[in-house]
Amino acid sequence: MEEIENTELDGRKQADVAVGQFVAIVLKKDQRSGTLTEGIIKRILTKAPKHTHGIKVMLDSGEVGRVKKIFVEEE
C-alpha cells in the first residue's frame, strides 16, 4: 500500500473518508506523542463535512481516533 499526498485524499474531509478504507489514525491517548494506529474503517463518527483535526472514525478493532493518513493500493 502507498500513502497518498494530502492533495488527493484528505483525512480532514468526510468526502475523502469511507468505510472499508485502510487508514492511520491518532488515538486520543496518543495525541501528544502523535503515535499512529493503522486499521480499516468500520464506522465514520464525525457528522460534519470536515474537521480541522481529522474525521473521527472507529476501526474494525473498535479503536476510535482521527484520520491522519489514508492509504490506497498501488495500481
PDB file of N, CA and C in Angstrom:
ATOM      1  N   MET A   1       0.842  -1.177   0.000  1.00  0.00           N
ATOM      2  CA  MET A   1       0.000   0.000   0.000  1.00  0.00           C
ATOM      3  C   MET A   1       0.886   1.239   0.000  1.00  0.00           C
ATOM      4  N   GLU A   2       0.341   2.293  -0.517  1.00  0.00           N
ATOM      5  CA  GLU A   2       1.107   3.523  -0.680  1.00  0.00           C
ATOM      6  C   GLU A   2       0.353   4.676  -0.026  1.00  0.00           C
ATOM      7  N   GLU A   3       1.100   5.563   0.617  1.00  0.00           N
ATOM      8  CA  GLU A   3       0.483   6.746   1.221  1.00  0.00           C
ATOM      9  C   GLU A   3       0.211   7.778   0.126  1.00  0.00           C
ATOM     10  N   ILE A   4      -0.965   8.360   0.153  1.00  0.00           N
ATOM     11  CA  ILE A   4      -1.349   9.360  -0.847  1.00  0.00           C
ATOM     12  C   ILE A   4      -1.123  10.747  -0.262  1.00  0.00           C
ATOM     13  N   GLU A   5      -0.651  11.657  -1.083  1.00  0.00           N
ATOM     14  CA  GLU A   5      -0.449  13.042  -0.666  1.00  0.00           C
ATOM     15  C   GLU A   5      -1.791  13.668  -0.285  1.00  0.00           C
ATOM     16  N   ASN A   6      -1.776  14.618   0.638  1.00  0.00           N
ATOM     17  CA  ASN A   6      -2.998  15.297   1.077  1.00  0.00           C
ATOM     18  C   ASN A   6      -3.705  16.041  -0.045  1.00  0.00           C
ATOM     19  N   THR A   7      -3.029  16.286  -1.167  1.00  0.00           N
ATOM     20  CA  THR A   7      -3.670  16.987  -2.272  1.00  0.00           C
ATOM     21  C   THR A   7      -4.734  16.113  -2.936  1.00  0.00           C
ATOM     22  N   GLU A   8      -4.615  14.781  -2.792  1.00  0.00           N
ATOM     23  CA  GLU A   8      -5.578  13.874  -3.407  1.00  0.00           C
ATOM     24  C   GLU A   8      -6.663  13.449  -2.420  1.00  0.00           C
ATOM     25  N   LEU A   9      -6.263  12.841  -1.323  1.00  0.00           N
ATOM     26  CA  LEU A   9      -7.212  12.401  -0.296  1.00  0.00           C
ATOM     27  C   LEU A   9      -6.833  13.068   1.017  1.00  0.00           C
ATOM     28  N   ASP A  10      -7.809  13.646   1.668  1.00  0.00           N
ATOM     29  CA  ASP A  10      -7.565  14.427   2.874  1.00  0.00           C
ATOM     30  C   ASP A  10      -8.397  13.859   4.025  1.00  0.00           C
ATOM     31  N   GLY A  11      -7.725  13.400   5.080  1.00  0.00           N
ATOM     32  CA  GLY A  11      -8.400  12.836   6.244  1.00  0.00           C
ATOM     33  C   GLY A  11      -9.216  13.843   7.025  1.00  0.00           C
ATOM     34  N   ARG A  12      -9.157  15.122   6.634  1.00  0.00           N
ATOM     35  CA  ARG A  12      -9.952  16.156   7.300  1.00  0.00           C
ATOM     36  C   ARG A  12     -11.293  16.375   6.607  1.00  0.00           C
ATOM     37  N   LYS A  13     -11.499  15.750   5.446  1.00  0.00           N
ATOM     38  CA  LYS A  13     -12.749  15.899   4.694  1.00  0.00           C
ATOM     39  C   LYS A  13     -13.515  14.586   4.700  1.00  0.00           C
ATOM     40  N   GLN A  14     -14.759  14.632   5.113  1.00  0.00           N
ATOM     41  CA  GLN A  14     -15.555  13.414   5.188  1.00  0.00           C
ATOM     42  C   GLN A  14     -15.764  12.794   3.804  1.00  0.00           C
ATOM     43  N   ALA A  15     -15.793  13.618   2.753  1.00  0.00           N
ATOM     44  CA  ALA A  15     -15.983  13.112   1.392  1.00  0.00           C
ATOM     45  C   ALA A  15     -14.827  12.199   0.961  1.00  0.00           C
ATOM     46  N   ASP A  16     -13.646  12.345   1.568  1.00  0.00           N
ATOM     47  CA  ASP A  16     -12.479  11.534   1.209  1.00  0.00           C
ATOM     48  C   ASP A  16     -12.330  10.284   2.072  1.00  0.00           C
ATOM     49  N   VAL A  17     -13.192  10.131   3.077  1.00  0.00           N
ATOM     50  CA  VAL A  17     -13.097   9.030   4.028  1.00  0.00           C
ATOM     51  C   VAL A  17     -14.304   8.108   3.829  1.00  0.00           C
ATOM     52  N   ALA A  18     -14.051   6.794   3.760  1.00  0.00           N
ATOM     53  CA  ALA A  18     -15.142   5.846   3.530  1.00  0.00           C
ATOM     54  C   ALA A  18     -14.937   4.569   4.348  1.00  0.00           C
ATOM     55  N   VAL A  19     -16.036   3.930   4.703  1.00  0.00           N
ATOM     56  CA  VAL A  19     -15.994   2.646   5.400  1.00  0.00           C
ATOM     57  C   VAL A  19     -15.237   1.661   4.511  1.00  0.00           C
ATOM     58  N   GLY A  20     -14.354   0.873   5.124  1.00  0.00           N
ATOM     59  CA  GLY A  20     -13.575  -0.117   4.395  1.00  0.00           C
ATOM     60  C   GLY A  20     -12.198   0.355   3.964  1.00  0.00           C
ATOM     61  N   GLN A  21     -11.909   1.652   4.112  1.00  0.00           N
ATOM     62  CA  GLN A  21     -10.590   2.178   3.744  1.00  0.00           C
ATOM     63  C   GLN A  21      -9.551   1.791   4.788  1.00  0.00           C
ATOM     64  N   PHE A  22      -8.315   1.616   4.334  1.00  0.00           N
ATOM     65  CA  PHE A  22      -7.179   1.369   5.215  1.00  0.00           C
ATOM     66  C   PHE A  22      -6.561   2.720   5.541  1.00  0.00           C
ATOM     67  N   VAL A  23      -6.520   3.071   6.834  1.00  0.00           N
ATOM     68  CA  VAL A  23      -6.072   4.392   7.259  1.00  0.00           C
ATOM     69  C   VAL A  23      -5.159   4.296   8.478  1.00  0.00           C
ATOM     70  N   ALA A  24      -4.537   5.425   8.787  1.00  0.00           N
ATOM     71  CA  ALA A  24      -3.787   5.579  10.038  1.00  0.00           C
ATOM     72  C   ALA A  24      -4.487   6.670  10.834  1.00  0.00           C
ATOM     73  N   ILE A  25      -4.772   6.381  12.095  1.00  0.00           N
ATOM     74  CA  ILE A  25      -5.458   7.340  12.965  1.00  0.00           C
ATOM     75  C   ILE A  25      -4.578   7.641  14.172  1.00  0.00           C
ATOM     76  N   VAL A  26      -4.891   8.742  14.831  1.00  0.00           N
ATOM     77  CA  VAL A  26      -4.259   9.038  16.117  1.00  0.00           C
ATOM     78  C   VAL A  26      -5.343   8.874  17.178  1.00  0.00           C
ATOM     79  N   LEU A  27      -5.064   8.015  18.155  1.00  0.00           N
ATOM     80  CA  LEU A  27      -5.988   7.785  19.261  1.00  0.00           C
ATOM     81  C   LEU A  27      -5.905   8.955  20.240  1.00  0.00           C
ATOM     82  N   LYS A  28      -6.963   9.172  21.006  1.00  0.00           N
ATOM     83  CA  LYS A  28      -6.996  10.269  21.988  1.00  0.00           C
ATOM     84  C   LYS A  28      -5.781  10.192  22.921  1.00  0.00           C
ATOM     85  N   LYS A  29      -5.470   8.987  23.393  1.00  0.00           N
ATOM     86  CA  LYS A  29      -4.351   8.820  24.334  1.00  0.00           C
ATOM     87  C   LYS A  29      -2.996   9.081  23.689  1.00  0.00           C
ATOM     88  N   ASP A  30      -2.941   9.042  22.348  1.00  0.00           N
ATOM     89  CA  ASP A  30      -1.683   9.231  21.630  1.00  0.00           C
ATOM     90  C   ASP A  30      -1.545  10.613  20.992  1.00  0.00           C
ATOM     91  N   GLN A  31      -2.458  11.529  21.289  1.00  0.00           N
ATOM     92  CA  GLN A  31      -2.425  12.837  20.642  1.00  0.00           C
ATOM     93  C   GLN A  31      -1.132  13.597  20.940  1.00  0.00           C
ATOM     94  N   ARG A  32      -0.623  13.496  22.142  1.00  0.00           N
ATOM     95  CA  ARG A  32       0.614  14.216  22.496  1.00  0.00           C
ATOM     96  C   ARG A  32       1.821  13.636  21.780  1.00  0.00           C
ATOM     97  N   SER A  33       1.903  12.302  21.712  1.00  0.00           N
ATOM     98  CA  SER A  33       3.062  11.658  21.085  1.00  0.00           C
ATOM     99  C   SER A  33       2.936  11.589  19.570  1.00  0.00           C
ATOM    100  N   GLY A  34       1.700  11.610  19.073  1.00  0.00           N
ATOM    101  CA  GLY A  34       1.484  11.528  17.632  1.00  0.00           C
ATOM    102  C   GLY A  34       1.577  10.117  17.077  1.00  0.00           C
ATOM    103  N   THR A  35       1.605   9.118  17.961  1.00  0.00           N
ATOM    104  CA  THR A  35       1.674   7.726  17.527  1.00  0.00           C
ATOM    105  C   THR A  35       0.444   7.364  16.707  1.00  0.00           C
ATOM    106  N   LEU A  36       0.670   6.752  15.548  1.00  0.00           N
ATOM    107  CA  LEU A  36      -0.436   6.395  14.657  1.00  0.00           C
ATOM    108  C   LEU A  36      -0.794   4.925  14.803  1.00  0.00           C
ATOM    109  N   THR A  37      -2.077   4.623  14.645  1.00  0.00           N
ATOM    110  CA  THR A  37      -2.613   3.267  14.678  1.00  0.00           C
ATOM    111  C   THR A  37      -3.253   2.996  13.326  1.00  0.00           C
ATOM    112  N   GLU A  38      -2.880   1.894  12.690  1.00  0.00           N
ATOM    113  CA  GLU A  38      -3.425   1.576  11.375  1.00  0.00           C
ATOM    114  C   GLU A  38      -4.570   0.582  11.484  1.00  0.00           C
ATOM    115  N   GLY A  39      -5.515   0.685  10.543  1.00  0.00           N
ATOM    116  CA  GLY A  39      -6.632  -0.250  10.523  1.00  0.00           C
ATOM    117  C   GLY A  39      -7.624   0.105   9.438  1.00  0.00           C
ATOM    118  N   ILE A  40      -8.690  -0.664   9.399  1.00  0.00           N
ATOM    119  CA  ILE A  40      -9.743  -0.481   8.403  1.00  0.00           C
ATOM    120  C   ILE A  40     -10.949   0.177   9.071  1.00  0.00           C
ATOM    121  N   ILE A  41     -11.502   1.190   8.409  1.00  0.00           N
ATOM    122  CA  ILE A  41     -12.633   1.937   8.962  1.00  0.00           C
ATOM    123  C   ILE A  41     -13.887   1.072   9.018  1.00  0.00           C
ATOM    124  N   LYS A  42     -14.476   1.015  10.214  1.00  0.00           N
ATOM    125  CA  LYS A  42     -15.740   0.304  10.423  1.00  0.00           C
ATOM    126  C   LYS A  42     -16.912   1.286  10.406  1.00  0.00           C
ATOM    127  N   ARG A  43     -16.732   2.456  11.061  1.00  0.00           N
ATOM    128  CA  ARG A  43     -17.782   3.488  11.135  1.00  0.00           C
ATOM    129  C   ARG A  43     -17.155   4.869  11.081  1.00  0.00           C
ATOM    130  N   ILE A  44     -17.885   5.803  10.480  1.00  0.00           N
ATOM    131  CA  ILE A  44     -17.483   7.211  10.490  1.00  0.00           C
ATOM    132  C   ILE A  44     -18.307   7.896  11.573  1.00  0.00           C
ATOM    133  N   LEU A  45     -17.635   8.543  12.522  1.00  0.00           N
ATOM    134  CA  LEU A  45     -18.326   9.117  13.680  1.00  0.00           C
ATOM    135  C   LEU A  45     -18.567  10.619  13.559  1.00  0.00           C
ATOM    136  N   THR A  46     -17.745  11.333  12.799  1.00  0.00           N
ATOM    137  CA  THR A  46     -17.916  12.772  12.638  1.00  0.00           C
ATOM    138  C   THR A  46     -19.087  13.046  11.712  1.00  0.00           C
ATOM    139  N   LYS A  47     -19.982  13.924  12.133  1.00  0.00           N
ATOM    140  CA  LYS A  47     -21.157  14.274  11.327  1.00  0.00           C
ATOM    141  C   LYS A  47     -20.873  15.432  10.363  1.00  0.00           C
ATOM    142  N   ALA A  48     -19.953  16.308  10.734  1.00  0.00           N
ATOM    143  CA  ALA A  48     -19.642  17.489   9.916  1.00  0.00           C
ATOM    144  C   ALA A  48     -18.911  17.085   8.630  1.00  0.00           C
ATOM    145  N   PRO A  49     -19.034  17.872   7.562  1.00  0.00           N
ATOM    146  CA  PRO A  49     -18.360  17.551   6.301  1.00  0.00           C
ATOM    147  C   PRO A  49     -16.836  17.643   6.383  1.00  0.00           C
ATOM    148  N   LYS A  50     -16.306  18.439   7.337  1.00  0.00           N
ATOM    149  CA  LYS A  50     -14.856  18.496   7.547  1.00  0.00           C
ATOM    150  C   LYS A  50     -14.547  18.827   8.997  1.00  0.00           C
ATOM    151  N   HIS A  51     -13.328  18.487   9.404  1.00  0.00           N
ATOM    152  CA  HIS A  51     -12.883  18.759  10.766  1.00  0.00           C
ATOM    153  C   HIS A  51     -11.390  19.050  10.715  1.00  0.00           C
ATOM    154  N   THR A  52     -10.958  20.116  11.358  1.00  0.00           N
ATOM    155  CA  THR A  52      -9.563  20.559  11.266  1.00  0.00           C
ATOM    156  C   THR A  52      -8.545  19.538  11.785  1.00  0.00           C
ATOM    157  N   HIS A  53      -8.934  18.684  12.717  1.00  0.00           N
ATOM    158  CA  HIS A  53      -8.005  17.701  13.283  1.00  0.00           C
ATOM    159  C   HIS A  53      -8.178  16.314  12.674  1.00  0.00           C
ATOM    160  N   GLY A  54      -9.096  16.169  11.727  1.00  0.00           N
ATOM    161  CA  GLY A  54      -9.326  14.875  11.078  1.00  0.00           C
ATOM    162  C   GLY A  54     -10.696  14.321  11.422  1.00  0.00           C
ATOM    163  N   ILE A  55     -11.240  13.566  10.489  1.00  0.00           N
ATOM    164  CA  ILE A  55     -12.553  12.936  10.679  1.00  0.00           C
ATOM    165  C   ILE A  55     -12.406  11.815  11.705  1.00  0.00           C
ATOM    166  N   LYS A  56     -13.307  11.775  12.688  1.00  0.00           N
ATOM    167  CA  LYS A  56     -13.251  10.749  13.728  1.00  0.00           C
ATOM    168  C   LYS A  56     -13.906   9.473  13.199  1.00  0.00           C
ATOM    169  N   VAL A  57     -13.199   8.344  13.345  1.00  0.00           N
ATOM    170  CA  VAL A  57     -13.687   7.059  12.863  1.00  0.00           C
ATOM    171  C   VAL A  57     -13.473   5.974  13.911  1.00  0.00           C
ATOM    172  N   MET A  58     -14.191   4.874  13.719  1.00  0.00           N
ATOM    173  CA  MET A  58     -13.971   3.663  14.515  1.00  0.00           C
ATOM    174  C   MET A  58     -13.393   2.615  13.574  1.00  0.00           C
ATOM    175  N   LEU A  59     -12.304   1.979  13.998  1.00  0.00           N
ATOM    176  CA  LEU A  59     -11.687   0.921  13.205  1.00  0.00           C
ATOM    177  C   LEU A  59     -12.365  -0.422  13.496  1.00  0.00           C
ATOM    178  N   ASP A  60     -12.096  -1.420  12.655  1.00  0.00           N
ATOM    179  CA  ASP A  60     -12.628  -2.775  12.879  1.00  0.00           C
ATOM    180  C   ASP A  60     -12.253  -3.304  14.258  1.00  0.00           C
ATOM    181  N   SER A  61     -11.113  -2.862  14.780  1.00  0.00           N
ATOM    182  CA  SER A  61     -10.633  -3.301  16.096  1.00  0.00           C
ATOM    183  C   SER A  61     -11.410  -2.663  17.247  1.00  0.00           C
ATOM    184  N   GLY A  62     -12.260  -1.643  16.926  1.00  0.00           N
ATOM    185  CA  GLY A  62     -13.021  -0.937  17.948  1.00  0.00           C
ATOM    186  C   GLY A  62     -12.329   0.329  18.427  1.00  0.00           C
ATOM    187  N   GLU A  63     -11.100   0.568  17.993  1.00  0.00           N
ATOM    188  CA  GLU A  63     -10.372   1.774  18.394  1.00  0.00           C
ATOM    189  C   GLU A  63     -10.948   2.993  17.681  1.00  0.00           C
ATOM    190  N   VAL A  64     -10.993   4.120  18.404  1.00  0.00           N
ATOM    191  CA  VAL A  64     -11.563   5.357  17.864  1.00  0.00           C
ATOM    192  C   VAL A  64     -10.484   6.429  17.822  1.00  0.00           C
ATOM    193  N   GLY A  65     -10.412   7.132  16.703  1.00  0.00           N
ATOM    194  CA  GLY A  65      -9.444   8.210  16.577  1.00  0.00           C
ATOM    195  C   GLY A  65      -9.712   9.035  15.330  1.00  0.00           C
ATOM    196  N   ARG A  66      -8.837  10.006  15.087  1.00  0.00           N
ATOM    197  CA  ARG A  66      -8.995  10.902  13.941  1.00  0.00           C
ATOM    198  C   ARG A  66      -8.040  10.503  12.817  1.00  0.00           C
ATOM    199  N   VAL A  67      -8.552  10.518  11.582  1.00  0.00           N
ATOM    200  CA  VAL A  67      -7.777  10.096  10.411  1.00  0.00           C
ATOM    201  C   VAL A  67      -6.642  11.081  10.153  1.00  0.00           C
ATOM    202  N   LYS A  68      -5.429  10.548  10.060  1.00  0.00           N
ATOM    203  CA  LYS A  68      -4.248  11.347   9.756  1.00  0.00           C
ATOM    204  C   LYS A  68      -3.664  10.980   8.402  1.00  0.00           C
ATOM    205  N   LYS A  69      -3.811   9.726   7.978  1.00  0.00           N
ATOM    206  CA  LYS A  69      -3.297   9.272   6.678  1.00  0.00           C
ATOM    207  C   LYS A  69      -4.306   8.308   6.066  1.00  0.00           C
ATOM    208  N   ILE A  70      -4.433   8.379   4.739  1.00  0.00           N
ATOM    209  CA  ILE A  70      -5.277   7.452   4.001  1.00  0.00           C
ATOM    210  C   ILE A  70      -4.366   6.688   3.047  1.00  0.00           C
ATOM    211  N   PHE A  71      -4.447   5.366   3.076  1.00  0.00           N
ATOM    212  CA  PHE A  71      -3.621   4.532   2.207  1.00  0.00           C
ATOM    213  C   PHE A  71      -4.477   3.976   1.074  1.00  0.00           C
ATOM    214  N   VAL A  72      -3.882   3.838  -0.097  1.00  0.00           N
ATOM    215  CA  VAL A  72      -4.572   3.209  -1.235  1.00  0.00           C
ATOM    216  C   VAL A  72      -3.646   2.183  -1.852  1.00  0.00           C
ATOM    217  N   GLU A  73      -4.233   1.214  -2.539  1.00  0.00           N
ATOM    218  CA  GLU A  73      -3.441   0.187  -3.218  1.00  0.00           C
ATOM    219  C   GLU A  73      -2.799   0.792  -4.457  1.00  0.00           C
ATOM    220  N   GLU A  74      -1.586   0.352  -4.731  1.00  0.00           N
ATOM    221  CA  GLU A  74      -0.916   0.804  -5.959  1.00  0.00           C
ATOM    222  C   GLU A  74      -1.602   0.157  -7.147  1.00  0.00           C
ATOM    223  N   GLU A  75      -1.694   0.909  -8.236  1.00  0.00           N
ATOM    224  CA  GLU A  75      -2.351   0.366  -9.432  1.00  0.00           C
ATOM    225  C   GLU A  75      -1.355  -0.229 -10.378  1.00  0.00           C
TER     226      GLU A  75
END
